[in-house]
């Protein structure tokens, strides 16, 4: 596994795995780890704008709070709206 090291806006060192992706509407979301060996998952990085500022809800929807890139939820049910 080859991870790219980066620093977040808060100065935290994180590692992006560009081989593990979730499909977004505007670009992929890359899985990010807190350690260089990839054993502690940290979150996601937006492939559209490069931001680490992403959020995931209980249905699996991922959204970048910077550019609005969105991954639709795994399952959708009108009762959840």
N, C-alpha and C. Protein backbone atom coordinates (compact mmCIF):
# COMPACT_ATOMS: atom_id res chain seq x y z
N UNK A 1 0.85 -1.17 0.00
CA UNK A 1 0.00 0.00 0.00
C UNK A 1 0.90 1.24 0.00
N UNK A 2 0.65 2.14 -0.91
CA UNK A 2 1.41 3.38 -1.00
C UNK A 2 0.52 4.54 -0.58
N UNK A 3 0.91 5.23 0.49
CA UNK A 3 0.11 6.32 1.01
C UNK A 3 0.82 7.65 0.82
N UNK A 4 0.07 8.68 0.43
CA UNK A 4 0.60 10.03 0.27
C UNK A 4 0.43 10.80 1.58
N UNK A 5 1.53 11.32 2.12
CA UNK A 5 1.47 12.09 3.36
C UNK A 5 1.04 13.52 3.05
N UNK A 6 0.18 14.06 3.93
CA UNK A 6 -0.31 15.44 3.82
C UNK A 6 -0.51 16.00 5.21
N UNK A 7 -0.68 17.29 5.28
CA UNK A 7 -0.99 17.96 6.54
C UNK A 7 -2.33 18.67 6.40
N UNK A 8 -3.21 18.45 7.36
CA UNK A 8 -4.53 19.09 7.33
C UNK A 8 -4.39 20.56 7.70
N UNK A 9 -5.47 21.30 7.56
CA UNK A 9 -5.49 22.70 7.94
C UNK A 9 -5.22 22.91 9.42
N UNK A 10 -5.48 21.89 10.23
CA UNK A 10 -5.24 21.95 11.67
C UNK A 10 -3.82 21.51 12.04
N UNK A 11 -3.01 21.19 11.02
CA UNK A 11 -1.63 20.78 11.26
C UNK A 11 -1.45 19.31 11.57
N UNK A 12 -2.49 18.52 11.39
CA UNK A 12 -2.41 17.08 11.66
C UNK A 12 -1.84 16.35 10.44
N UNK A 13 -0.92 15.43 10.68
CA UNK A 13 -0.31 14.64 9.60
C UNK A 13 -1.22 13.46 9.30
N UNK A 14 -1.65 13.30 8.04
CA UNK A 14 -2.53 12.21 7.62
C UNK A 14 -1.98 11.61 6.33
N UNK A 15 -2.52 10.44 5.96
CA UNK A 15 -1.99 9.67 4.83
C UNK A 15 -3.14 9.22 3.93
N UNK A 16 -3.11 9.65 2.67
CA UNK A 16 -4.17 9.36 1.71
C UNK A 16 -3.83 8.14 0.87
N UNK A 17 -4.77 7.21 0.79
CA UNK A 17 -4.63 6.03 -0.06
C UNK A 17 -5.43 6.28 -1.34
N UNK A 18 -4.75 6.57 -2.42
CA UNK A 18 -5.43 6.89 -3.68
C UNK A 18 -5.93 5.66 -4.43
N UNK A 19 -5.70 4.47 -3.87
CA UNK A 19 -6.23 3.25 -4.49
C UNK A 19 -7.58 2.85 -3.88
N UNK A 20 -7.93 3.41 -2.74
CA UNK A 20 -9.21 3.12 -2.09
C UNK A 20 -10.11 4.33 -2.22
N UNK A 21 -11.11 4.22 -3.06
CA UNK A 21 -11.96 5.37 -3.37
C UNK A 21 -13.44 5.04 -3.23
N UNK A 22 -14.18 6.09 -2.97
CA UNK A 22 -15.64 6.07 -2.99
C UNK A 22 -16.05 7.05 -4.07
N UNK A 23 -16.97 6.66 -4.92
CA UNK A 23 -17.40 7.50 -6.04
C UNK A 23 -18.25 8.67 -5.58
N UNK A 24 -17.87 9.87 -6.00
CA UNK A 24 -18.64 11.08 -5.71
C UNK A 24 -19.18 11.67 -7.00
N UNK A 25 -20.11 12.60 -6.90
CA UNK A 25 -20.73 13.22 -8.07
C UNK A 25 -19.75 14.09 -8.85
N UNK A 26 -18.87 14.79 -8.15
CA UNK A 26 -17.92 15.71 -8.81
C UNK A 26 -16.50 15.15 -8.89
N UNK A 27 -16.23 14.09 -8.16
CA UNK A 27 -14.90 13.47 -8.12
C UNK A 27 -14.88 12.43 -7.02
N UNK A 28 -13.83 11.63 -6.96
CA UNK A 28 -13.78 10.57 -5.95
C UNK A 28 -13.50 11.10 -4.55
N UNK A 29 -13.81 10.26 -3.57
CA UNK A 29 -13.40 10.50 -2.19
C UNK A 29 -12.35 9.43 -1.87
N UNK A 30 -11.18 9.86 -1.43
CA UNK A 30 -10.10 8.94 -1.09
C UNK A 30 -10.10 8.65 0.40
N UNK A 31 -9.81 7.40 0.75
CA UNK A 31 -9.72 7.01 2.16
C UNK A 31 -8.43 7.58 2.74
N UNK A 32 -8.53 8.15 3.95
CA UNK A 32 -7.39 8.77 4.62
C UNK A 32 -7.16 8.06 5.96
N UNK A 33 -5.87 7.87 6.28
CA UNK A 33 -5.48 7.20 7.52
C UNK A 33 -4.69 8.15 8.41
N UNK A 34 -4.70 7.86 9.70
CA UNK A 34 -3.97 8.67 10.68
C UNK A 34 -2.53 8.22 10.84
N UNK A 35 -2.19 7.06 10.29
CA UNK A 35 -0.84 6.53 10.44
C UNK A 35 -0.30 6.06 9.09
N UNK A 36 1.03 6.04 8.92
CA UNK A 36 1.62 5.70 7.62
C UNK A 36 1.47 4.24 7.21
N UNK A 37 1.12 3.36 8.13
CA UNK A 37 0.93 1.96 7.74
C UNK A 37 -0.52 1.63 7.40
N UNK A 38 -1.42 2.61 7.49
CA UNK A 38 -2.80 2.43 7.07
C UNK A 38 -3.63 1.56 7.99
N UNK A 39 -3.34 1.54 9.27
CA UNK A 39 -4.13 0.71 10.18
C UNK A 39 -5.18 1.50 10.96
N UNK A 40 -5.07 2.82 10.98
CA UNK A 40 -6.02 3.64 11.72
C UNK A 40 -6.72 4.61 10.77
N UNK A 41 -7.94 4.26 10.41
CA UNK A 41 -8.69 5.08 9.46
C UNK A 41 -9.04 6.44 10.07
N UNK A 42 -8.84 7.50 9.28
CA UNK A 42 -9.06 8.87 9.77
C UNK A 42 -10.31 9.50 9.15
N UNK A 43 -10.54 9.30 7.86
CA UNK A 43 -11.68 9.90 7.18
C UNK A 43 -11.53 9.86 5.68
N UNK A 44 -11.95 10.93 5.00
CA UNK A 44 -11.91 11.01 3.54
C UNK A 44 -11.29 12.33 3.08
N UNK A 45 -10.75 12.28 1.87
CA UNK A 45 -10.27 13.49 1.21
C UNK A 45 -11.03 13.63 -0.11
N UNK A 46 -11.53 14.81 -0.38
CA UNK A 46 -12.29 15.06 -1.60
C UNK A 46 -11.34 15.11 -2.79
N UNK A 47 -11.62 14.31 -3.80
CA UNK A 47 -10.81 14.30 -5.02
C UNK A 47 -11.13 15.45 -5.95
N UNK A 48 -12.23 16.14 -5.71
CA UNK A 48 -12.60 17.28 -6.54
C UNK A 48 -11.82 18.53 -6.16
N UNK A 49 -11.74 18.83 -4.85
CA UNK A 49 -11.07 20.07 -4.42
C UNK A 49 -9.87 19.83 -3.50
N UNK A 50 -9.67 18.58 -3.05
CA UNK A 50 -8.53 18.26 -2.20
C UNK A 50 -8.76 18.48 -0.71
N UNK A 51 -9.96 18.88 -0.32
CA UNK A 51 -10.25 19.18 1.07
C UNK A 51 -10.37 17.91 1.91
N UNK A 52 -9.95 18.02 3.17
CA UNK A 52 -10.16 16.95 4.15
C UNK A 52 -11.45 17.18 4.93
N UNK A 53 -12.12 18.30 4.70
CA UNK A 53 -13.31 18.69 5.43
C UNK A 53 -14.53 17.99 4.81
N UNK A 54 -14.72 16.74 5.21
CA UNK A 54 -15.83 15.93 4.69
C UNK A 54 -16.65 15.40 5.85
N UNK A 55 -17.87 15.02 5.56
CA UNK A 55 -18.77 14.48 6.58
C UNK A 55 -19.49 13.27 6.03
N UNK A 56 -19.75 12.29 6.90
CA UNK A 56 -20.49 11.10 6.52
C UNK A 56 -21.66 10.93 7.48
N UNK A 57 -22.84 10.62 6.93
CA UNK A 57 -23.98 10.39 7.80
C UNK A 57 -24.18 8.90 8.04
N UNK A 58 -25.20 8.55 8.80
CA UNK A 58 -25.43 7.15 9.18
C UNK A 58 -25.84 6.27 8.01
N UNK A 59 -26.26 6.86 6.89
CA UNK A 59 -26.64 6.08 5.72
C UNK A 59 -25.48 5.88 4.75
N UNK A 60 -24.30 6.44 5.05
CA UNK A 60 -23.15 6.28 4.18
C UNK A 60 -22.96 7.39 3.17
N UNK A 61 -23.76 8.44 3.25
CA UNK A 61 -23.60 9.58 2.36
C UNK A 61 -22.36 10.35 2.80
N UNK A 62 -21.47 10.68 1.86
CA UNK A 62 -20.27 11.48 2.14
C UNK A 62 -20.43 12.79 1.41
N UNK A 63 -20.15 13.90 2.10
CA UNK A 63 -20.23 15.21 1.45
C UNK A 63 -19.02 16.04 1.83
N UNK A 64 -18.45 16.72 0.83
CA UNK A 64 -17.37 17.68 1.05
C UNK A 64 -18.01 19.00 1.44
N UNK A 65 -17.62 19.55 2.58
CA UNK A 65 -18.23 20.80 3.02
C UNK A 65 -17.60 22.01 2.33
N UNK A 66 -16.54 21.79 1.57
CA UNK A 66 -15.90 22.89 0.83
C UNK A 66 -16.56 23.09 -0.54
N UNK A 67 -16.66 22.02 -1.34
CA UNK A 67 -17.15 22.18 -2.72
C UNK A 67 -18.52 21.54 -2.96
N UNK A 68 -19.03 20.77 -1.99
CA UNK A 68 -20.34 20.16 -2.15
C UNK A 68 -20.34 18.81 -2.85
N UNK A 69 -19.16 18.28 -3.22
CA UNK A 69 -19.08 16.95 -3.82
C UNK A 69 -19.84 15.98 -2.91
N UNK A 70 -20.61 15.08 -3.52
CA UNK A 70 -21.49 14.22 -2.74
C UNK A 70 -21.44 12.78 -3.23
N UNK A 71 -21.35 11.86 -2.27
CA UNK A 71 -21.52 10.44 -2.55
C UNK A 71 -22.87 10.07 -2.00
N UNK A 72 -23.70 9.48 -2.85
CA UNK A 72 -25.05 9.10 -2.44
C UNK A 72 -24.99 7.98 -1.40
N UNK A 73 -26.02 7.87 -0.57
CA UNK A 73 -26.02 6.83 0.46
C UNK A 73 -26.08 5.43 -0.14
N UNK A 74 -25.64 4.45 0.64
CA UNK A 74 -25.67 3.05 0.20
C UNK A 74 -27.09 2.60 -0.08
N UNK A 75 -27.99 2.95 0.82
CA UNK A 75 -29.39 2.61 0.66
C UNK A 75 -30.21 3.87 0.91
N UNK A 76 -31.28 4.01 0.17
CA UNK A 76 -32.12 5.17 0.35
C UNK A 76 -33.54 4.71 0.61
N UNK A 77 -34.16 5.35 1.58
CA UNK A 77 -35.54 5.05 1.93
C UNK A 77 -36.21 6.38 2.28
N UNK A 78 -37.36 6.63 1.69
CA UNK A 78 -38.05 7.90 1.90
C UNK A 78 -38.37 8.12 3.38
N UNK A 79 -38.43 7.08 4.17
CA UNK A 79 -38.71 7.22 5.59
C UNK A 79 -37.57 7.90 6.33
N UNK A 80 -36.37 7.92 5.75
CA UNK A 80 -35.22 8.56 6.38
C UNK A 80 -35.18 10.05 6.16
N UNK A 81 -36.00 10.58 5.28
CA UNK A 81 -35.99 12.02 4.96
C UNK A 81 -36.70 12.82 6.01
